[in-house]
Amino acid sequence: MAETTRKMAFICSKGNLDMAYPALIMGWAALGVGVDVTIFFTFWGLDLIRKDRVDKLGLPPVGNASMRTGMMGFPFDVGIPQLVGVLPGMTAVATALMKGKMKQMDVPPVREMLEMLHDAGAKLYACKMTVDMAGLKKEDFLDIVDDIVTATDFIEMTEGAQIVFI
C-alpha cells in the first residue's frame, strides 16, 4: 500500500495579531513532522499577508471576553473588563504588551514567521473574491504569497486535507 503525505489546510479569516499566530504556529509544527501545509487568507485575514498591514496588526481588547493580564506579562492574572477596552489607546497598549511577550519568548513577528513557513514549503494563497472586493492586486501582497485563488481552487488543491478554520 502506497504511503500518502498527510495534508493540513488553514483558513485565516481574521486580521488581529492574536488570530494570526494559531495558524502560523500550527502550520510550522505540521511542517516539522512532514505534513503538507496550505494557508488560505480570506476577508480580514488578508491583512496578515498585505505589505501595508502585516507589520501593523493589533490586538483589540474589545470583544475578547477572555482578555487576561497574565498572558500579557503582568505578575497578576485578572480579567480586563470590556468597558476598559473602549478607552483610547487600549488597543495600542494590548498590542505592545503582546508583541513584547512574544519577543521575550523568541516568537518571530508575523512577517518573519510567514517567510519561515514559505521557505519551509508551506503554500500561501489569497482569496480571489476577497481580493476583488477590496480592490487589491497581487503586488499588494508579500512576495511569498504563491497566488490569488478562488475558493473552488482552494478546495480542489486541498482535497483530503484536514481543514482548520481560524
Protein backbone atom coordinates (compact mmCIF):
# COMPACT_ATOMS: atom_id res chain seq x y z
CA MET A 1 0.00 0.00 0.00
CA ALA A 2 1.42 3.37 -1.04
CA GLU A 3 2.02 5.88 1.72
CA THR A 4 0.38 9.27 1.20
CA THR A 5 1.54 12.58 2.63
CA ARG A 6 -0.71 13.97 5.33
CA LYS A 7 -2.11 17.41 4.49
CA MET A 8 -3.41 20.30 6.59
CA ALA A 9 -5.02 23.47 5.31
CA PHE A 10 -5.63 26.56 7.42
CA ILE A 11 -8.18 29.24 6.56
CA CYS A 12 -7.24 32.59 8.11
CA SER A 13 -10.23 34.93 8.21
CA LYS A 14 -9.21 37.34 10.99
CA GLY A 15 -6.68 40.16 10.83
CA ASN A 16 -5.86 40.61 14.51
CA LEU A 17 -2.46 39.83 15.99
CA ASP A 18 -3.84 37.15 18.30
CA MET A 19 -5.63 35.47 15.39
CA ALA A 20 -2.50 35.35 13.21
CA TYR A 21 -0.41 33.10 15.40
CA PRO A 22 -2.64 29.99 15.75
CA ALA A 23 -2.38 29.06 12.06
CA LEU A 24 1.27 30.08 11.81
CA ILE A 25 2.37 28.11 14.86
CA MET A 26 0.30 25.05 13.97
CA GLY A 27 1.47 25.27 10.35
CA TRP A 28 5.10 25.38 11.50
CA ALA A 29 4.54 22.40 13.79
CA ALA A 30 2.86 20.46 10.96
CA LEU A 31 5.74 21.17 8.57
CA GLY A 32 8.13 19.95 11.26
CA VAL A 33 6.55 16.49 11.25
CA GLY A 34 6.33 16.24 7.46
CA VAL A 35 2.76 17.41 6.91
CA ASP A 36 1.96 19.30 3.69
CA VAL A 37 0.68 22.79 4.70
CA THR A 38 -1.54 25.21 2.77
CA ILE A 39 -2.82 28.50 4.19
CA PHE A 40 -5.73 30.40 2.61
CA PHE A 41 -6.22 34.05 3.65
CA THR A 42 -9.69 35.50 3.27
CA PHE A 43 -11.63 38.58 4.42
CA TRP A 44 -9.69 40.37 7.19
CA GLY A 45 -7.17 37.53 7.18
CA LEU A 46 -5.71 39.22 4.09
CA ASP A 47 -4.16 41.75 6.48
CA LEU A 48 -1.69 39.03 7.51
CA ILE A 49 -0.20 38.96 4.01
CA ARG A 50 -0.69 42.57 2.89
CA LYS A 51 2.56 44.53 2.60
CA ASP A 52 0.92 47.62 4.14
CA ARG A 53 -0.76 45.77 7.07
CA VAL A 54 1.34 42.78 8.18
CA ASP A 55 3.56 44.84 10.49
CA LYS A 56 0.63 46.83 11.91
CA LEU A 57 -1.59 44.04 13.22
CA GLY A 58 -3.23 44.91 16.52
CA LEU A 59 -4.82 43.22 19.48
CA PRO A 60 -8.15 44.94 20.22
CA PRO A 61 -9.32 44.07 23.73
CA VAL A 62 -12.98 44.84 22.99
CA GLY A 63 -14.91 41.71 22.11
CA ASN A 64 -12.25 39.46 23.57
CA ALA A 65 -14.02 38.22 26.67
CA SER A 66 -11.00 36.10 27.64
CA MET A 67 -8.55 39.03 27.68
CA ARG A 68 -6.45 38.49 30.78
CA THR A 69 -3.45 40.35 32.15
CA GLY A 70 -1.37 37.22 32.87
CA MET A 71 -0.91 36.45 29.17
CA MET A 72 0.42 39.95 28.66
CA GLY A 73 3.26 39.61 31.13
CA PHE A 74 1.70 41.16 34.22
CA PRO A 75 2.67 39.50 37.52
CA PHE A 76 -1.03 39.01 38.29
CA ASP A 77 -3.80 37.49 36.21
CA VAL A 78 -7.14 39.27 36.19
CA GLY A 79 -9.72 39.74 33.50
CA ILE A 80 -9.81 43.06 31.70
CA PRO A 81 -13.39 44.42 31.74
CA GLN A 82 -14.81 45.06 28.27
CA LEU A 83 -15.52 48.67 29.19
CA VAL A 84 -11.79 49.31 29.72
CA GLY A 85 -11.14 48.15 26.15
CA VAL A 86 -13.03 51.10 24.68
CA LEU A 87 -10.73 53.65 26.30
CA PRO A 88 -8.50 55.48 23.82
CA GLY A 89 -5.15 53.79 23.40
CA MET A 90 -6.13 50.39 24.85
CA THR A 91 -5.63 48.55 21.56
CA ALA A 92 -2.13 50.05 21.28
CA VAL A 93 -1.36 49.05 24.89
CA ALA A 94 -2.64 45.49 24.44
CA THR A 95 -0.75 45.17 21.14
CA ALA A 96 2.52 46.42 22.63
CA LEU A 97 2.18 44.08 25.59
CA MET A 98 1.53 41.05 23.38
CA LYS A 99 4.38 41.90 20.98
CA GLY A 100 6.71 42.33 23.96
CA LYS A 101 5.69 38.98 25.43
CA MET A 102 6.13 37.23 22.06
CA LYS A 103 9.58 38.80 21.62
CA GLN A 104 10.55 37.76 25.15
CA MET A 105 9.59 34.19 24.23
CA ASP A 106 11.58 34.38 20.94
CA VAL A 107 8.45 34.03 18.81
CA PRO A 108 9.13 35.63 15.42
CA PRO A 109 6.95 38.53 14.23
CA VAL A 110 4.16 37.58 11.81
CA ARG A 111 6.06 38.66 8.67
CA GLU A 112 9.11 36.61 9.63
CA MET A 113 7.01 33.60 10.57
CA LEU A 114 5.23 33.73 7.20
CA GLU A 115 8.60 33.83 5.45
CA MET A 116 9.80 30.85 7.50
CA LEU A 117 6.67 28.90 6.59
CA HIS A 118 7.01 29.69 2.91
CA ASP A 119 10.73 28.86 2.88
CA ALA A 120 9.96 25.52 4.55
CA GLY A 121 7.43 24.61 1.87
CA ALA A 122 4.04 25.90 3.04
CA LYS A 123 1.83 27.22 0.26
CA LEU A 124 0.19 30.62 0.89
CA TYR A 125 -2.86 31.79 -1.05
CA ALA A 126 -5.07 34.88 -1.06
CA CYS A 127 -8.83 34.53 -1.66
CA LYS A 128 -9.75 35.92 -5.07
CA MET A 129 -13.26 37.02 -4.10
CA THR A 130 -11.97 38.97 -1.09
CA VAL A 131 -9.09 40.45 -3.09
CA ASP A 132 -11.57 41.63 -5.73
CA MET A 133 -13.98 43.01 -3.08
CA ALA A 134 -11.15 45.03 -1.52
CA GLY A 135 -9.82 46.26 -4.86
CA LEU A 136 -6.41 44.72 -4.21
CA LYS A 137 -3.83 43.34 -6.64
CA LYS A 138 -1.07 40.71 -6.45
CA GLU A 139 1.53 43.44 -5.84
CA ASP A 140 -0.30 44.47 -2.64
CA PHE A 141 0.76 41.21 -1.02
CA LEU A 142 4.04 39.89 0.31
CA ASP A 143 6.16 38.27 -2.39
CA ILE A 144 5.87 34.91 -0.61
CA VAL A 145 2.15 34.65 -1.46
CA ASP A 146 2.02 31.89 -4.07
CA ASP A 147 -1.11 33.07 -5.83
CA ILE A 148 -4.61 34.51 -5.65
CA VAL A 149 -7.09 31.66 -5.99
CA THR A 150 -10.82 31.06 -5.83
CA ALA A 151 -12.48 29.12 -3.03
CA THR A 152 -13.08 26.31 -5.55
CA ASP A 153 -9.37 26.24 -6.41
CA PHE A 154 -8.52 26.03 -2.70
CA ILE A 155 -10.96 23.18 -2.15
CA GLU A 156 -9.56 21.27 -5.12
CA MET A 157 -5.91 21.74 -4.12
CA THR A 158 -6.53 20.67 -0.53
CA GLU A 159 -8.51 17.51 -1.25
CA GLY A 160 -8.07 15.09 1.62
CA ALA A 161 -6.54 17.73 3.90
CA GLN A 162 -7.50 18.36 7.48
CA ILE A 163 -9.09 21.86 7.35
CA VAL A 164 -8.66 24.28 10.27
CA PHE A 165 -10.72 27.49 10.14
CA ILE A 166 -9.37 30.38 12.20
